[in-house]
Amino acid sequence: MGRLREWLNNNPSVVTVAAVLLLIVALVVIIRSSMPRRAPGVFEVYYYDLGKAGSGNPLDALFSDKSDKVPPIDAPSGPNNGVLAQVYGCGDCAKANRFIAYLQKFTPEAKKARMAPPKTDAQGQPTMPNPDEYNDMMNGILVASPDKPTDWYLIYSPQGQQITEGASGKCPPGKKLKVCFPNSK
């Protein structure tokens, strides 16, 4: 014990650095343990309840759920009535500045392909989907205008591109287009 005390007394800079590092590690542990836990990459997004379409302000048909769902999903009005809503704001996301740019869902084939468990090789490593599966996932994205939620178009079709590009001109000059999520300001 005497040797240790002597070494500590003879090396005060090493002791100081070690104490500071220990303090930093303790602070990181405390801060990380106090943060809310959530699955990586999963967050709240807006969905649109098709069962409430045409009943007034389109924003009133919004509800939120986890981003890892593949629409159509169950909605307050019933099964498979929930579709993803791309919500934007002009300047900020206050309700008065928000609008639904477009709605999005997947064809049954694309939904099945997206919900399938990832394929793995012999070593258990994830593998890329085959070309047909990939085409089902990417070419099966449908979009609709919130003004006509019964008319769905493939996202890469001319009508689909017109719908998805429509958000860019909705904000007045000087107001920047902002992507909105539930609880964003």
Protein backbone atom coordinates (compact mmCIF):
# COMPACT_ATOMS: atom_id res chain seq x y z
CA MET A 1 0.00 0.00 0.00
CA GLY A 2 2.89 2.31 0.73
CA ARG A 3 4.39 1.85 -2.73
CA LEU A 4 1.09 2.68 -4.42
CA ARG A 5 0.70 5.85 -2.35
CA GLU A 6 4.27 6.85 -3.16
CA TRP A 7 3.72 6.23 -6.90
CA LEU A 8 0.47 8.27 -6.83
CA ASN A 9 2.25 11.11 -5.05
CA ASN A 10 5.09 11.04 -7.61
CA ASN A 11 2.75 10.98 -10.65
CA PRO A 12 0.01 13.57 -10.03
CA SER A 13 -0.61 14.27 -13.75
CA VAL A 14 -1.33 10.58 -14.47
CA VAL A 15 -3.69 10.46 -11.48
CA THR A 16 -5.48 13.62 -12.68
CA VAL A 17 -5.92 12.28 -16.23
CA ALA A 18 -7.22 8.95 -14.91
CA ALA A 19 -9.68 10.73 -12.61
CA VAL A 20 -10.96 12.93 -15.45
CA LEU A 21 -11.39 9.91 -17.76
CA LEU A 22 -13.24 8.03 -15.03
CA LEU A 23 -15.52 11.04 -14.49
CA ILE A 24 -16.26 11.27 -18.25
CA VAL A 25 -17.10 7.55 -18.45
CA ALA A 26 -19.40 7.88 -15.43
CA LEU A 27 -21.19 10.87 -17.00
CA VAL A 28 -21.67 9.03 -20.30
CA VAL A 29 -23.13 6.01 -18.48
CA ILE A 30 -25.50 8.22 -16.47
CA ILE A 31 -26.66 10.20 -19.53
CA ARG A 32 -27.16 7.10 -21.70
CA SER A 33 -29.07 5.26 -19.00
CA SER A 34 -31.45 8.20 -18.57
CA MET A 35 -32.28 8.43 -22.30
CA PRO A 36 -35.52 6.79 -23.48
CA ARG A 37 -35.06 3.45 -25.19
CA ARG A 38 -36.37 2.89 -28.71
CA ALA A 39 -35.64 0.53 -31.53
CA PRO A 40 -32.94 1.85 -33.86
CA GLY A 41 -34.41 3.50 -36.92
CA VAL A 42 -38.01 3.19 -35.72
CA PHE A 43 -39.87 6.41 -35.00
CA GLU A 44 -43.38 7.88 -35.13
CA VAL A 45 -44.75 8.86 -38.55
CA TYR A 46 -48.07 10.07 -39.86
CA TYR A 47 -50.62 7.74 -41.37
CA TYR A 48 -53.89 8.73 -43.04
CA ASP A 49 -57.16 6.98 -42.21
CA LEU A 50 -58.90 6.31 -45.53
CA GLY A 51 -62.12 5.66 -43.61
CA LYS A 52 -62.18 9.34 -42.65
CA ALA A 53 -61.43 10.65 -46.16
CA GLY A 54 -63.72 13.42 -47.35
CA SER A 55 -64.99 14.23 -43.86
CA GLY A 56 -63.58 17.77 -43.66
CA ASN A 57 -59.97 18.84 -43.19
CA PRO A 58 -57.61 16.08 -44.45
CA LEU A 59 -55.33 16.73 -41.44
CA ASP A 60 -58.14 15.44 -39.20
CA ALA A 61 -57.72 11.99 -40.77
CA LEU A 62 -54.10 11.72 -39.58
CA PHE A 63 -52.96 9.35 -36.86
CA SER A 64 -49.47 8.31 -35.84
CA ASP A 65 -47.82 4.94 -35.54
CA LYS A 66 -44.38 3.35 -35.85
CA SER A 67 -42.35 3.80 -39.02
CA ASP A 68 -41.57 0.10 -39.36
CA LYS A 69 -45.10 -0.76 -40.53
CA VAL A 70 -45.86 -1.52 -44.19
CA PRO A 71 -49.05 0.21 -45.36
CA PRO A 72 -51.86 -0.40 -45.74
CA ILE A 73 -52.12 -0.92 -41.96
CA ASP A 74 -55.00 -1.05 -39.52
CA ALA A 75 -56.44 2.41 -38.81
CA PRO A 76 -58.92 3.72 -36.24
CA SER A 77 -61.74 3.25 -38.79
CA GLY A 78 -60.85 -0.34 -39.64
CA PRO A 79 -58.40 -2.89 -41.03
CA ASN A 80 -56.15 -1.86 -43.93
CA ASN A 81 -57.52 1.72 -43.91
CA GLY A 82 -54.19 3.28 -42.84
CA VAL A 83 -51.75 4.57 -45.46
CA LEU A 84 -48.54 6.51 -44.99
CA ALA A 85 -49.01 10.28 -45.15
CA GLN A 86 -46.14 12.48 -46.34
CA VAL A 87 -46.73 15.59 -44.24
CA TYR A 88 -44.91 18.88 -44.78
CA GLY A 89 -45.02 22.35 -43.33
CA CYS A 90 -44.22 25.79 -44.68
CA GLY A 91 -41.59 27.23 -42.37
CA ASP A 92 -42.48 25.01 -39.41
CA CYS A 93 -44.79 22.14 -38.52
CA ALA A 94 -47.47 24.06 -36.62
CA LYS A 95 -50.90 22.69 -37.59
CA ALA A 96 -51.76 25.93 -39.41
CA ASN A 97 -48.70 25.48 -41.67
CA ARG A 98 -48.98 21.73 -42.27
CA PHE A 99 -50.36 19.93 -45.30
CA ILE A 100 -50.42 16.40 -46.65
CA ALA A 101 -48.35 16.28 -49.83
CA TYR A 102 -49.32 12.74 -50.81
CA LEU A 103 -50.36 9.34 -49.50
CA GLN A 104 -48.38 6.14 -49.95
CA LYS A 105 -49.06 2.41 -49.72
CA PHE A 106 -47.79 -0.79 -51.31
CA THR A 107 -49.32 -3.31 -53.69
CA PRO A 108 -50.08 -6.68 -52.05
CA GLU A 109 -46.98 -8.17 -53.75
CA ALA A 110 -44.72 -5.35 -52.55
CA LYS A 111 -46.12 -5.53 -49.02
CA LYS A 112 -45.52 -9.29 -48.94
CA ALA A 113 -41.94 -8.83 -50.22
CA ARG A 114 -41.21 -6.08 -47.66
CA MET A 115 -42.66 -8.05 -44.77
CA ALA A 116 -40.83 -11.28 -45.60
CA PRO A 117 -38.02 -12.12 -43.19
CA PRO A 118 -34.61 -11.27 -44.64
CA LYS A 119 -32.95 -14.14 -46.47
CA THR A 120 -29.57 -15.31 -45.26
CA ASP A 121 -26.71 -17.31 -46.71
CA ALA A 122 -25.23 -20.50 -45.22
CA GLN A 123 -23.26 -18.44 -42.67
CA GLY A 124 -26.40 -16.57 -41.56
CA GLN A 125 -25.40 -13.32 -43.28
CA PRO A 126 -28.20 -11.29 -44.95
CA THR A 127 -28.37 -11.59 -48.73
CA MET A 128 -29.81 -9.30 -51.36
CA PRO A 129 -33.30 -10.13 -52.64
CA ASN A 130 -33.46 -11.71 -56.07
CA PRO A 131 -34.35 -9.34 -58.96
CA ASP A 132 -38.05 -10.30 -58.98
CA GLU A 133 -38.39 -9.71 -55.23
CA TYR A 134 -36.54 -6.41 -55.53
CA ASN A 135 -38.80 -5.31 -58.40
CA ASP A 136 -41.87 -6.24 -56.35
CA MET A 137 -40.60 -4.09 -53.46
CA MET A 138 -39.59 -1.07 -55.53
CA ASN A 139 -42.17 -1.09 -58.30
CA GLY A 140 -45.08 -1.77 -55.96
CA ILE A 141 -45.12 1.66 -54.32
CA LEU A 142 -48.44 3.43 -54.89
CA VAL A 143 -49.21 7.11 -54.28
CA ALA A 144 -52.39 9.16 -54.20
CA SER A 145 -53.31 12.78 -53.66
CA PRO A 146 -55.07 13.49 -50.34
CA ASP A 147 -57.70 15.24 -52.48
CA LYS A 148 -58.42 11.96 -54.34
CA PRO A 149 -57.48 9.11 -51.98
CA THR A 150 -59.28 6.58 -54.16
CA ASP A 151 -57.04 7.14 -57.23
CA TRP A 152 -53.73 5.32 -56.74
CA TYR A 153 -50.80 5.38 -59.17
CA LEU A 154 -47.42 3.68 -59.28
CA ILE A 155 -44.89 6.12 -57.84
CA TYR A 156 -42.69 5.99 -60.98
CA SER A 157 -45.57 6.57 -63.40
CA PRO A 158 -46.11 10.09 -64.84
CA GLN A 159 -49.19 10.53 -62.61
CA GLY A 160 -47.27 9.28 -59.56
CA GLN A 161 -44.38 11.64 -60.20
CA GLN A 162 -46.77 14.56 -60.63
CA ILE A 163 -48.35 13.74 -57.25
CA THR A 164 -45.03 13.39 -55.39
CA GLU A 165 -43.57 16.56 -56.91
CA GLY A 166 -46.64 18.63 -56.03
CA ALA A 167 -45.37 19.59 -52.57
CA SER A 168 -42.52 21.71 -53.88
CA GLY A 169 -44.71 24.65 -54.96
CA LYS A 170 -47.12 24.77 -52.01
CA CYS A 171 -45.17 27.15 -49.76
CA PRO A 172 -45.23 30.92 -50.24
CA PRO A 173 -41.97 32.71 -51.08
CA GLY A 174 -39.66 32.93 -48.08
CA LYS A 175 -41.20 29.90 -46.35
CA LYS A 176 -39.02 26.81 -46.53
CA LEU A 177 -40.60 23.38 -47.06
CA LYS A 178 -40.10 21.18 -43.98
CA VAL A 179 -40.82 17.46 -43.45
CA CYS A 180 -43.13 17.04 -40.44
CA PHE A 181 -43.39 14.15 -38.00
CA PRO A 182 -45.73 13.74 -35.05
CA ASN A 183 -44.59 16.01 -32.21
CA SER A 184 -42.29 18.05 -34.49
CA LYS A 185 -42.49 21.81 -34.33
